[in-house]
Amino acid sequence: MDAIVRTRHGVVQGKMGQGVAAFKGLPYAAAPFGRHRFQPPQPVEPWEGVRQALTYGPTVPKAPLVAPFDALIPETDLPGQECLNLNIWSRDLQQGRLPVMVWIHGGAFSNGSGSNPLYDGTRFARDGVVCVTFNYRLGAEGFLFLGDGVANLGLLDQIAALQWVRENIAAFGGDPENVTVFGQSAGAMSIATLLAMPRARGLFRRAIAQSGAAHHVNSSATARRVGQYLAQQLGVEPTLKAMTAVPIDRLVHAQREWSIGAVARRYSDVFASRETRQAQGKAGTDAGGSPERLHWDEVAADVMPFEPVVDGQILPRRPIESIAAGAGGEVDVLVGTNADEYRLFLIPTGLINFINEDFLAAAIAACGLPVPEALTTYRATRPAASQGELLEAVLTDWIYRLPAVRLAEAHTPRSGRTYMYEFAWKSPQFAGQLGACHMAELPFVFDNLDKQSLEGLVGPHPPQPVAEAMHAAWVAFATRGDPGWPPFELSRRATMCFDTTPKLVEDPRSTERVLWAKLR
């Protein structure tokens, strides 16, 4: 059975199935190629007749994931020009008042797409939500900054998609005044950044940030250095004109070497080769002195060269500073992390087995923590932990948990409500070592455990009750602004812990949180 909807640009035809109408591959902006390359998103040209919206549209240019992540994390690659497109699921096209949830995918600002089967929105639509997913420009195409063009094109794509939703979603049964943006990793970092962007104000009423918050941006100086280094790799001048002349495939290939997965893989190889040489009685290699290491200020902290840029115009200052000053204060916010985020990058690569005491101490010091006190604090709750497991706990806090806590703290005094959660269900994969790693919550949020697209991370039989609890909380938050537990307050720090049995905890791992005061 087909479904017909009239948008502002023309009539589209979707498909009914399981009581849900799905529309896929709808363009929200013109193809970002030719004269539109490295330019802000341009309007879609209207069309005549009925446009088919039955299959996912093209994905944006991006490099394949490196091993072992290519076997663990599903990626969708569909060729074509109209890659700035979105997908919609709705159970009632005539309603006009259903809450809307708009998903912003993750992928370290270099990978991912809105057409990943993992993000199928059928279950959200089943539960009375109009669900939207979309693509945005990634890597250099979305976040290159050389000082002579418009910054943050990927963020401007996100704003263009949200503007399209505001103008058209009522025709799909959604309420444009009740829009929740939700996203994971780079998608969550994008959402926290949108909270701080003047151009995004009024485009959404609520926000859910999963495993990403408001710290992850590059200064204009750092972003320029990244762009200059990329130009040097490509053998061109560090100007927008010169970069525009570089074929997209060549540009994507060059930036692949900077992906977070590639960095983790290279560090693993460096440590493994060092161990081999030491076993043979030869001098070991200091990974800290390896030419592979990153050394661009914020890039070294986040291991993501392409991030939102604090350019002073589109993004006036660091998002966490703007939010602390009141930006996005009217928006209801739900923010949280997974208990063992960084295990995704240490376990599949085997890197966790090569961390020694010296490297652990150096990493702790690089984060600004006092080494003896930090070791004592983290070991107090992990007496049997290896050096690698302690490093994972520190990096999980540095990159994910503490920024989420700081976002909650900064937003709490405002009129919008603030809630916190933690995903703690531990995966059985890799002999149980993965724990509640980065990305593991995704099939639970979408209630898509049957999709098997993340089976490598969550195993063949993840618990359905955890998905039902988490998915229901997300629906409740989008519908009425209350996920079902008390708001976050500095006096209680209420946090819903999603495990086999969900439970409310107050101020989890408080001694570790206090340790980071004024540092993160």
Protein backbone atom coordinates (compact mmCIF):
# COMPACT_ATOMS: atom_id res chain seq x y z
CA MET A 1 0.00 0.00 0.00
CA ASP A 2 1.35 3.43 -0.94
CA ALA A 3 1.18 6.67 1.02
CA ILE A 4 1.01 10.07 -0.69
CA VAL A 5 2.07 13.36 0.95
CA ARG A 6 2.44 16.86 -0.45
CA THR A 7 5.56 18.69 0.76
CA ARG A 8 6.51 22.29 -0.01
CA HIS A 9 8.67 21.08 -2.89
CA GLY A 10 6.30 18.55 -4.42
CA VAL A 11 4.32 15.35 -3.91
CA VAL A 12 6.08 12.26 -2.55
CA GLN A 13 5.05 8.63 -2.45
CA GLY A 14 6.06 6.40 0.45
CA LYS A 15 5.15 2.88 1.45
CA MET A 16 2.92 1.45 4.19
CA GLY A 17 4.05 -1.55 6.18
CA GLN A 18 3.26 -2.86 9.69
CA GLY A 19 0.84 0.04 10.08
CA VAL A 20 3.63 2.58 9.49
CA ALA A 21 4.23 4.84 6.48
CA ALA A 22 7.90 5.13 5.52
CA PHE A 23 9.31 7.82 3.21
CA LYS A 24 12.98 7.47 2.28
CA GLY A 25 15.55 9.53 0.43
CA LEU A 26 13.70 12.87 0.49
CA PRO A 27 16.10 15.73 -0.37
CA TYR A 28 16.19 18.54 2.17
CA ALA A 29 18.95 20.47 0.36
CA ALA A 30 20.50 20.50 -3.09
CA ALA A 31 23.32 18.11 -3.99
CA PRO A 32 26.55 19.54 -2.44
CA PHE A 33 28.68 19.10 -5.54
CA GLY A 34 29.87 21.26 -8.42
CA ARG A 35 29.20 24.91 -7.66
CA HIS A 36 27.61 23.90 -4.34
CA ARG A 37 30.69 22.10 -3.04
CA PHE A 38 32.15 23.61 0.15
CA GLN A 39 29.18 25.98 0.23
CA PRO A 40 26.29 26.27 2.72
CA PRO A 41 23.33 24.00 1.91
CA GLN A 42 21.22 25.31 -0.95
CA PRO A 43 17.44 24.97 -1.41
CA VAL A 44 15.90 22.00 -3.18
CA GLU A 45 14.42 22.63 -6.61
CA PRO A 46 10.67 21.82 -6.69
CA TRP A 47 9.58 18.87 -8.83
CA GLU A 48 6.56 18.04 -10.94
CA GLY A 49 4.50 14.89 -10.55
CA VAL A 50 4.95 12.33 -7.78
CA ARG A 51 8.44 11.61 -6.48
CA GLN A 52 9.15 8.04 -5.38
CA ALA A 53 10.37 7.82 -1.76
CA LEU A 54 10.52 4.04 -1.41
CA THR A 55 14.26 3.41 -0.91
CA TYR A 56 17.09 5.09 0.94
CA GLY A 57 18.86 7.84 -0.96
CA PRO A 58 22.60 8.31 -1.58
CA THR A 59 24.98 8.67 1.36
CA VAL A 60 27.55 11.46 1.67
CA PRO A 61 31.16 10.81 0.60
CA LYS A 62 33.06 9.00 3.36
CA ALA A 63 35.84 6.48 3.72
CA PRO A 64 35.28 2.86 4.75
CA LEU A 65 35.97 1.98 8.36
CA VAL A 66 39.29 0.28 9.07
CA ALA A 67 39.69 -3.17 10.59
CA PRO A 68 38.51 -4.40 13.05
CA PHE A 69 35.74 -1.80 13.20
CA ASP A 70 34.55 -2.51 9.66
CA ALA A 71 33.38 -5.94 10.86
CA LEU A 72 31.74 -4.63 14.04
CA ILE A 73 30.02 -1.41 13.02
CA PRO A 74 27.54 -1.38 10.12
CA GLU A 75 28.11 1.25 7.44
CA THR A 76 25.81 2.08 4.55
CA ASP A 77 27.30 3.38 1.29
CA LEU A 78 24.91 4.31 -1.50
CA PRO A 79 26.25 6.22 -4.54
CA GLY A 80 24.58 9.31 -5.95
CA GLN A 81 24.51 13.09 -5.92
CA GLU A 82 21.43 13.91 -3.81
CA CYS A 83 23.07 12.80 -0.56
CA LEU A 84 21.57 15.51 1.68
CA ASN A 85 18.39 13.58 2.21
CA LEU A 86 16.18 12.38 5.04
CA ASN A 87 13.87 9.52 5.96
CA ILE A 88 10.52 9.62 7.82
CA TRP A 89 8.40 7.03 9.62
CA SER A 90 4.87 7.86 10.79
CA ARG A 91 1.84 5.80 11.77
CA ASP A 92 -0.76 8.53 11.17
CA LEU A 93 -0.29 10.98 8.31
CA GLN A 94 -3.53 12.76 9.16
CA GLN A 95 -2.84 13.35 12.85
CA GLY A 96 -0.70 16.50 12.61
CA ARG A 97 0.00 16.57 16.34
CA LEU A 98 2.35 13.64 16.97
CA PRO A 99 5.69 14.32 18.70
CA VAL A 100 8.67 14.33 16.35
CA MET A 101 12.11 12.81 16.98
CA VAL A 102 14.96 13.74 14.63
CA TRP A 103 18.02 11.50 14.79
CA ILE A 104 21.55 12.85 14.20
CA HIS A 105 23.90 9.93 13.60
CA GLY A 106 27.40 9.50 15.01
CA GLY A 107 30.64 8.41 13.39
CA ALA A 108 33.37 10.76 14.67
CA PHE A 109 32.19 13.41 12.17
CA SER A 110 33.74 11.24 9.42
CA ASN A 111 31.45 8.21 9.08
CA GLY A 112 27.84 7.14 9.45
CA SER A 113 24.56 7.88 7.70
CA GLY A 114 20.88 8.30 8.43
CA SER A 115 20.08 5.30 6.23
CA ASN A 116 21.74 2.71 8.44
CA PRO A 117 19.18 -0.08 9.09
CA LEU A 118 20.05 0.19 12.77
CA TYR A 119 18.23 3.55 12.76
CA ASP A 120 15.02 2.25 11.24
CA GLY A 121 12.31 4.35 12.90
CA THR A 122 9.42 1.89 12.64
CA ARG A 123 9.28 1.15 16.38
CA PHE A 124 9.24 4.86 17.25
CA ALA A 125 6.39 5.36 14.78
CA ARG A 126 4.59 2.36 16.26
CA ASP A 127 4.71 4.11 19.62
CA GLY A 128 3.22 7.38 18.38
CA VAL A 129 6.33 9.32 17.35
CA VAL A 130 7.17 10.64 13.88
CA CYS A 131 10.81 9.60 13.46
CA VAL A 132 13.24 11.35 11.10
CA THR A 133 16.83 10.44 10.21
CA PHE A 134 19.12 12.29 7.79
CA ASN A 135 22.61 12.60 6.30
CA TYR A 136 24.95 15.56 6.72
CA ARG A 137 28.36 16.30 5.21
CA LEU A 138 31.27 14.61 6.98
CA GLY A 139 35.03 14.93 7.24
CA ALA A 140 36.63 17.71 5.27
CA GLU A 141 33.52 18.17 3.12
CA GLY A 142 31.59 19.09 6.25
CA PHE A 143 34.15 20.55 8.65
CA LEU A 144 37.19 21.80 6.73
CA PHE A 145 38.27 25.28 7.84
CA LEU A 146 41.03 27.26 6.13
CA GLY A 147 39.91 30.75 7.06
CA ASP A 148 38.69 31.67 3.56
CA GLY A 149 35.26 30.03 3.45
CA VAL A 150 32.18 29.23 5.50
CA ALA A 151 32.86 27.04 8.53
CA ASN A 152 30.77 24.17 9.92
CA LEU A 153 29.00 23.12 6.74
CA GLY A 154 28.01 19.85 8.41
CA LEU A 155 26.26 21.78 11.18
CA LEU A 156 24.56 24.02 8.63
CA ASP A 157 23.31 20.86 6.92
CA GLN A 158 21.81 19.76 10.24
CA ILE A 159 20.07 23.11 10.62
CA ALA A 160 18.76 22.86 7.05
CA ALA A 161 17.31 19.42 7.83
CA LEU A 162 15.64 20.77 10.97
CA GLN A 163 14.23 23.70 9.02
CA TRP A 164 12.82 21.24 6.47
CA VAL A 165 11.20 19.34 9.34
CA ARG A 166 9.67 22.51 10.74
CA GLU A 167 8.19 23.43 7.35
CA ASN A 168 6.98 19.97 6.25
CA ILE A 169 6.53 17.57 9.14
CA ALA A 170 2.87 18.44 9.78
CA ALA A 171 2.05 16.82 6.42
CA PHE A 172 3.48 13.58 7.82
CA GLY A 173 1.42 13.76 11.03
CA GLY A 174 4.04 15.49 13.17
CA ASP A 175 3.86 18.54 15.40
CA PRO A 176 6.52 21.10 14.36
CA GLU A 177 6.26 22.68 17.81
CA ASN A 178 7.20 19.42 19.56
CA VAL A 179 10.50 18.34 18.00
CA THR A 180 13.15 16.38 19.91
CA VAL A 181 16.62 16.02 18.44
CA PHE A 182 18.46 12.92 19.59
CA GLY A 183 21.84 11.58 18.60
CA GLN A 184 24.86 9.56 19.63
CA SER A 185 28.60 10.27 19.75
CA ALA A 186 29.31 12.91 17.07
CA GLY A 187 25.53 13.27 16.73
CA ALA A 188 25.24 14.06 20.43
CA MET A 189 28.18 16.46 20.19
CA SER A 190 26.37 18.11 17.29
CA ILE A 191 23.22 18.45 19.37
CA ALA A 192 25.08 20.09 22.25
CA THR A 193 26.67 22.41 19.71
CA LEU A 194 23.27 23.24 18.20
CA LEU A 195 22.11 24.24 21.69
CA ALA A 196 24.78 26.93 21.58
CA MET A 197 24.20 28.11 17.99
CA PRO A 198 22.02 31.18 17.47
CA ARG A 199 20.90 29.88 14.05
CA ALA A 200 19.43 26.72 15.60
CA ARG A 201 17.30 28.44 18.22
CA GLY A 202 13.64 27.51 18.04
CA LEU A 203 14.15 24.48 15.79
CA PHE A 204 13.70 21.92 18.56
CA ARG A 205 12.02 21.77 21.95
CA ARG A 206 13.92 18.87 23.51
CA ALA A 207 17.32 17.23 23.08
CA ILE A 208 18.81 13.83 23.92
CA ALA A 209 22.60 13.56 23.87
CA GLN A 210 23.94 9.99 23.98
CA SER A 211 27.68 9.61 24.60
CA GLY A 212 28.59 13.12 23.52
CA ALA A 213 28.28 16.60 24.97
CA ALA A 214 29.46 20.19 24.65
CA HIS A 215 33.26 20.03 24.88
CA HIS A 216 34.17 18.55 21.50
CA VAL A 217 35.08 21.40 19.17
CA ASN A 218 38.23 22.75 17.55
CA SER A 219 39.47 26.29 17.86
CA SER A 220 39.85 28.15 14.58
CA ALA A 221 43.64 27.94 14.95
CA THR A 222 43.61 24.17 15.40
CA ALA A 223 41.11 23.70 12.57
CA ARG A 224 43.36 25.72 10.27
CA ARG A 225 46.36 23.56 11.14
CA VAL A 226 44.35 20.46 10.36
CA GLY A 227 43.29 21.94 7.02
CA GLN A 228 46.82 23.01 6.19
CA TYR A 229 48.17 19.57 6.97
CA LEU A 230 45.50 17.95 4.80
CA ALA A 231 46.39 20.30 1.94
CA GLN A 232 50.05 19.38 2.39
CA GLN A 233 49.14 15.68 2.18
CA LEU A 234 47.27 16.36 -1.04
CA GLY A 235 50.03 18.55 -2.50
CA VAL A 236 47.84 21.63 -2.95
CA GLU A 237 47.73 25.15 -1.54
CA PRO A 238 45.81 25.50 1.73
CA THR A 239 43.00 27.51 0.16
CA LEU A 240 39.35 26.70 -0.43
CA LYS A 241 39.82 27.21 -4.17
CA ALA A 242 42.61 24.64 -4.29
CA MET A 243 40.72 22.14 -2.13
CA THR A 244 37.62 22.46 -4.31
CA ALA A 245 39.69 21.28 -7.27
CA VAL A 246 40.68 18.07 -5.45
CA PRO A 247 38.50 15.12 -6.54
CA ILE A 248 36.24 13.98 -3.73
CA ASP A 249 37.48 10.39 -3.83
CA ARG A 250 41.06 11.54 -3.36
CA LEU A 251 40.09 13.82 -0.49
CA VAL A 252 38.17 11.04 1.26
CA HIS A 253 41.09 8.64 0.86
CA ALA A 254 43.52 11.14 2.41
CA GLN A 255 41.39 11.79 5.47
CA ARG A 256 40.75 8.09 6.09
CA GLU A 257 44.14 7.84 7.78
CA TRP A 258 42.92 10.24 10.45
CA SER A 259 39.83 8.33 11.52
CA ILE A 260 39.55 7.38 15.17
CA GLY A 261 39.52 3.72 14.20
CA ALA A 262 42.68 4.11 12.14
CA VAL A 263 44.44 5.86 15.01
CA ALA A 264 43.41 3.13 17.47
CA ARG A 265 44.57 0.47 15.01
CA ARG A 266 47.94 2.15 14.48
CA TYR A 267 48.53 2.57 18.21
CA SER A 268 47.76 -1.13 18.64
CA ASP A 269 50.31 -2.01 15.97
CA VAL A 270 52.91 0.28 17.58
CA PHE A 271 52.47 -1.34 20.99
CA ALA A 272 52.41 -4.85 19.58
CA SER A 273 55.65 -4.28 17.66
CA ARG A 274 57.24 -2.81 20.78
CA GLU A 275 56.30 -5.88 22.82
CA THR A 276 57.77 -8.13 20.14
CA ARG A 277 61.04 -6.24 20.10
CA GLN A 278 61.25 -6.24 23.87
CA ALA A 279 60.65 -10.00 23.92
CA GLN A 280 63.55 -10.33 21.47
CA GLY A 281 65.79 -8.23 23.71
CA LYS A 282 65.76 -5.19 21.43
CA ALA A 283 65.02 -1.62 22.33
CA GLY A 284 61.31 -0.84 22.57
CA THR A 285 59.56 1.95 20.72
CA ASP A 286 58.02 4.76 22.74
CA ALA A 287 54.52 5.18 21.34
CA GLY A 288 54.46 8.72 22.69
CA GLY A 289 57.31 9.54 20.33
CA SER A 290 55.87 7.71 17.36
CA PRO A 291 55.36 9.77 14.20
CA GLU A 292 51.83 8.38 14.20
CA ARG A 293 50.81 10.36 17.25
CA LEU A 294 48.50 13.33 16.82
CA HIS A 295 49.72 16.69 18.03
CA TRP A 296 47.16 19.38 17.27
CA ASP A 297 45.93 20.60 20.67
CA GLU A 298 42.21 19.70 20.79
CA VAL A 299 42.72 16.95 18.21
CA ALA A 300 45.09 15.14 20.55
CA ALA A 301 42.40 15.24 23.24
CA ASP A 302 39.52 13.96 21.12
CA VAL A 303 41.31 12.03 18.33
CA MET A 304 38.90 13.59 15.83
CA PRO A 305 40.50 16.08 13.44
CA PHE A 306 37.19 17.13 11.89
CA GLU A 307 34.86 18.65 14.48
CA PRO A 308 32.70 21.76 14.81
CA VAL A 309 34.89 24.86 14.64
CA VAL A 310 34.63 27.84 16.97
CA ASP A 311 34.79 30.36 14.15
CA GLY A 312 33.25 33.29 16.06
CA GLN A 313 30.28 33.58 13.73
CA ILE A 314 28.31 30.40 13.13
CA LEU A 315 29.67 29.03 16.41
CA PRO A 316 30.56 32.03 18.59
CA ARG A 317 32.40 30.16 21.36
CA ARG A 318 32.81 26.73 22.95
CA PRO A 319 29.35 25.23 23.38
CA ILE A 320 29.82 24.39 27.06
CA GLU A 321 30.62 28.04 27.75
CA SER A 322 27.57 29.28 25.85
CA ILE A 323 25.30 26.76 27.59
CA ALA A 324 26.67 27.79 30.99
CA ALA A 325 25.80 31.37 30.04
CA GLY A 326 22.20 30.37 29.23
CA ALA A 327 22.18 29.28 25.58
CA GLY A 328 19.58 26.61 24.93
CA GLY A 329 18.18 27.13 28.40
CA GLU A 330 14.59 26.76 27.25
CA VAL A 331 15.22 23.26 25.83
CA ASP A 332 14.56 20.11 27.88
CA VAL A 333 17.74 18.00 27.91
CA LEU A 334 18.38 14.30 28.53
CA VAL A 335 22.09 13.46 28.56
CA GLY A 336 24.08 10.38 29.44
CA THR A 337 26.82 7.92 28.60
CA ASN A 338 27.68 4.22 28.61
CA ALA A 339 29.56 2.81 31.58
CA ASP A 340 32.52 1.48 29.57
CA GLU A 341 32.62 3.73 26.50
CA TYR A 342 36.28 3.50 25.58
CA ARG A 343 36.39 -0.29 25.58
CA LEU A 344 35.17 -0.13 21.99
CA PHE A 345 38.56 1.29 20.99
CA LEU A 346 40.76 -0.80 23.30
CA ILE A 347 39.25 -4.29 23.25
CA PRO A 348 38.71 -5.18 19.55
CA THR A 349 42.19 -3.83 18.68
CA GLY A 350 43.82 -5.66 21.59
CA LEU A 351 45.42 -2.40 22.66
CA ILE A 352 44.18 -2.84 26.23
CA ASN A 353 46.69 -5.69 26.68
CA PHE A 354 49.72 -3.54 25.89
CA ILE A 355 49.18 -0.70 28.37
CA ASN A 356 51.92 -0.58 30.98
CA GLU A 357 52.27 1.49 34.12
CA ASP A 358 54.39 4.16 32.46
CA PHE A 359 51.93 4.72 29.63
CA LEU A 360 48.99 4.78 32.06
CA ALA A 361 50.72 7.41 34.19
CA ALA A 362 51.57 9.49 31.12
CA ALA A 363 47.96 9.36 29.89
CA ILE A 364 46.63 10.39 33.31
CA ALA A 365 49.07 13.29 33.45
CA ALA A 366 48.13 14.35 29.90
CA CYS A 367 44.53 14.68 31.10
CA GLY A 368 45.73 17.04 33.83
CA LEU A 369 45.05 14.71 36.75
CA PRO A 370 47.50 14.24 39.64
CA VAL A 371 48.85 10.76 38.89
CA PRO A 372 49.15 9.22 42.38
CA GLU A 373 45.74 10.51 43.51
CA ALA A 374 44.08 9.44 40.27
CA LEU A 375 45.52 5.92 40.48
CA THR A 376 44.39 5.59 44.08
CA THR A 377 40.89 6.87 43.26
CA TYR A 378 40.28 4.66 40.23
CA ARG A 379 41.81 1.56 41.82
CA ALA A 380 39.62 1.96 44.91
CA THR A 381 36.55 0.85 42.95
CA ARG A 382 38.48 -1.44 40.58
CA PRO A 383 40.94 -3.36 42.79
CA ALA A 384 41.46 -6.14 40.23
CA ALA A 385 41.72 -3.88 37.16
CA SER A 386 44.67 -4.13 34.79
CA GLN A 387 46.61 -1.08 33.64
CA GLY A 388 44.62 -1.13 30.41
CA GLU A 389 41.30 -1.30 32.26
CA LEU A 390 42.28 1.68 34.39
CA LEU A 391 43.20 3.59 31.24
CA GLU A 392 39.79 2.76 29.78
CA ALA A 393 38.03 4.13 32.86
CA VAL A 394 40.05 7.35 32.76
CA LEU A 395 39.48 7.91 29.03
CA THR A 396 35.77 7.10 29.32
CA ASP A 397 35.51 9.84 31.93
CA TRP A 398 37.70 12.31 30.00
CA ILE A 399 36.01 11.98 26.61
CA TYR A 400 32.43 11.05 27.52
CA ARG A 401 31.20 11.00 31.11
CA LEU A 402 32.62 14.24 32.48
CA PRO A 403 31.52 16.35 29.49
CA ALA A 404 28.01 14.89 29.94
CA VAL A 405 28.06 15.73 33.64
CA ARG A 406 29.26 19.27 32.88
CA LEU A 407 26.47 19.72 30.33
CA ALA A 408 23.90 18.64 32.92
CA GLU A 409 25.41 20.95 35.53
CA ALA A 410 25.46 23.91 33.13
CA HIS A 411 21.89 23.37 31.96
CA THR A 412 20.28 22.61 35.33
CA PRO A 413 19.71 26.23 36.45
CA ARG A 414 17.71 27.02 33.28
CA SER A 415 13.97 26.78 32.62
CA GLY A 416 14.32 23.63 30.53
CA ARG A 417 14.40 20.42 32.52
CA THR A 418 17.57 18.30 32.76
CA TYR A 419 17.79 14.51 33.10
CA MET A 420 20.72 12.09 33.23
CA TYR A 421 21.06 8.40 32.42
CA GLU A 422 23.74 5.73 32.18
CA PHE A 423 23.65 2.60 30.02
CA ALA A 424 25.29 -0.16 32.06
CA TRP A 425 24.25 -3.46 30.46
CA LYS A 426 27.45 -5.41 29.74
CA SER A 427 27.87 -7.16 26.42
CA PRO A 428 29.00 -10.81 26.42
CA GLN A 429 31.17 -10.21 23.33
CA PHE A 430 34.96 -10.58 23.40
CA ALA A 431 34.65 -12.92 26.39
CA GLY A 432 32.69 -10.27 28.27
CA GLN A 433 35.45 -7.66 28.02
CA LEU A 434 33.46 -5.15 25.91
CA GLY A 435 31.18 -4.20 28.79
CA ALA A 436 28.78 -1.33 28.16
CA CYS A 437 30.97 0.05 25.39
CA HIS A 438 30.46 2.97 23.03
CA MET A 439 27.50 2.42 20.65
CA ALA A 440 26.14 -0.57 22.57
CA GLU A 441 22.96 1.29 23.59
CA LEU A 442 21.87 2.07 20.02
CA PRO A 443 19.74 -1.01 19.22
CA PHE A 444 18.12 -0.67 22.66
CA VAL A 445 17.13 2.96 22.08
CA PHE A 446 15.57 2.16 18.69
CA ASP A 447 14.14 -1.15 19.98
CA ASN A 448 15.80 -2.78 16.98
CA LEU A 449 17.47 -5.76 18.64
CA ASP A 450 16.20 -7.97 15.83
CA LYS A 451 18.16 -6.03 13.18
CA GLN A 452 21.41 -7.82 14.16
CA SER A 453 23.42 -4.95 12.69
CA LEU A 454 25.37 -4.56 15.94
CA GLU A 455 25.49 -8.24 16.86
CA GLY A 456 29.28 -8.04 16.93
CA LEU A 457 29.00 -5.59 19.83
CA VAL A 458 25.94 -6.76 21.75
CA GLY A 459 25.86 -10.49 20.94
CA PRO A 460 23.11 -12.64 19.43
CA HIS A 461 20.63 -12.47 22.33
CA PRO A 462 20.60 -8.99 23.95
CA PRO A 463 17.85 -8.57 26.58
CA GLN A 464 14.59 -7.26 25.15
CA PRO A 465 13.38 -5.85 28.52
CA VAL A 466 16.31 -3.40 28.53
CA ALA A 467 15.30 -2.20 25.05
CA GLU A 468 11.68 -1.83 26.12
CA ALA A 469 12.64 0.27 29.16
CA MET A 470 15.10 2.52 27.34
CA HIS A 471 12.98 2.98 24.22
CA ALA A 472 9.90 3.80 26.34
CA ALA A 473 11.86 6.42 28.29
CA TRP A 474 12.97 8.11 25.05
CA VAL A 475 9.38 8.13 23.75
CA ALA A 476 8.07 9.53 27.03
CA PHE A 477 10.68 12.29 27.04
CA ALA A 478 9.87 13.27 23.45
CA THR A 479 6.14 13.18 24.14
CA ARG A 480 5.89 15.08 27.41
CA GLY A 481 9.42 16.05 28.47
CA ASP A 482 9.61 13.51 31.32
CA PRO A 483 11.44 10.17 30.81
CA GLY A 484 10.08 8.74 34.06
CA TRP A 485 12.59 9.62 36.78
CA PRO A 486 13.46 12.76 38.79
CA PRO A 487 15.25 15.65 37.08
CA PHE A 488 18.98 16.13 37.59
CA GLU A 489 19.75 18.54 40.44
CA LEU A 490 23.12 19.36 41.93
CA SER A 491 21.94 18.25 45.36
CA ARG A 492 20.90 14.73 44.18
CA ARG A 493 22.37 14.14 40.71
CA ALA A 494 19.66 11.56 39.97
CA THR A 495 20.76 9.21 37.18
CA MET A 496 18.75 6.35 35.69
CA CYS A 497 20.97 3.33 35.22
CA PHE A 498 19.75 1.07 32.39
CA ASP A 499 20.85 -2.48 33.13
CA THR A 500 19.11 -5.85 33.24
CA THR A 501 17.04 -4.22 35.98
CA PRO A 502 16.87 -0.42 35.61
CA LYS A 503 17.54 1.48 38.81
CA LEU A 504 17.82 5.10 39.92
CA VAL A 505 21.16 6.04 41.46
CA GLU A 506 22.38 9.33 42.91
CA ASP A 507 25.75 10.82 42.01
CA PRO A 508 27.35 7.68 40.57
CA ARG A 509 31.14 7.40 41.03
CA SER A 510 31.21 10.68 42.92
CA THR A 511 34.84 10.39 44.05
CA GLU A 512 35.98 10.15 40.44
CA ARG A 513 33.76 13.07 39.46
CA VAL A 514 35.23 15.22 42.23
CA LEU A 515 38.74 14.29 41.13
CA TRP A 516 38.11 16.04 37.78
CA ALA A 517 36.84 19.29 39.32
CA LYS A 518 38.13 22.33 37.37
CA LEU A 519 39.95 20.02 34.93
CA ARG A 520 37.13 18.75 32.74
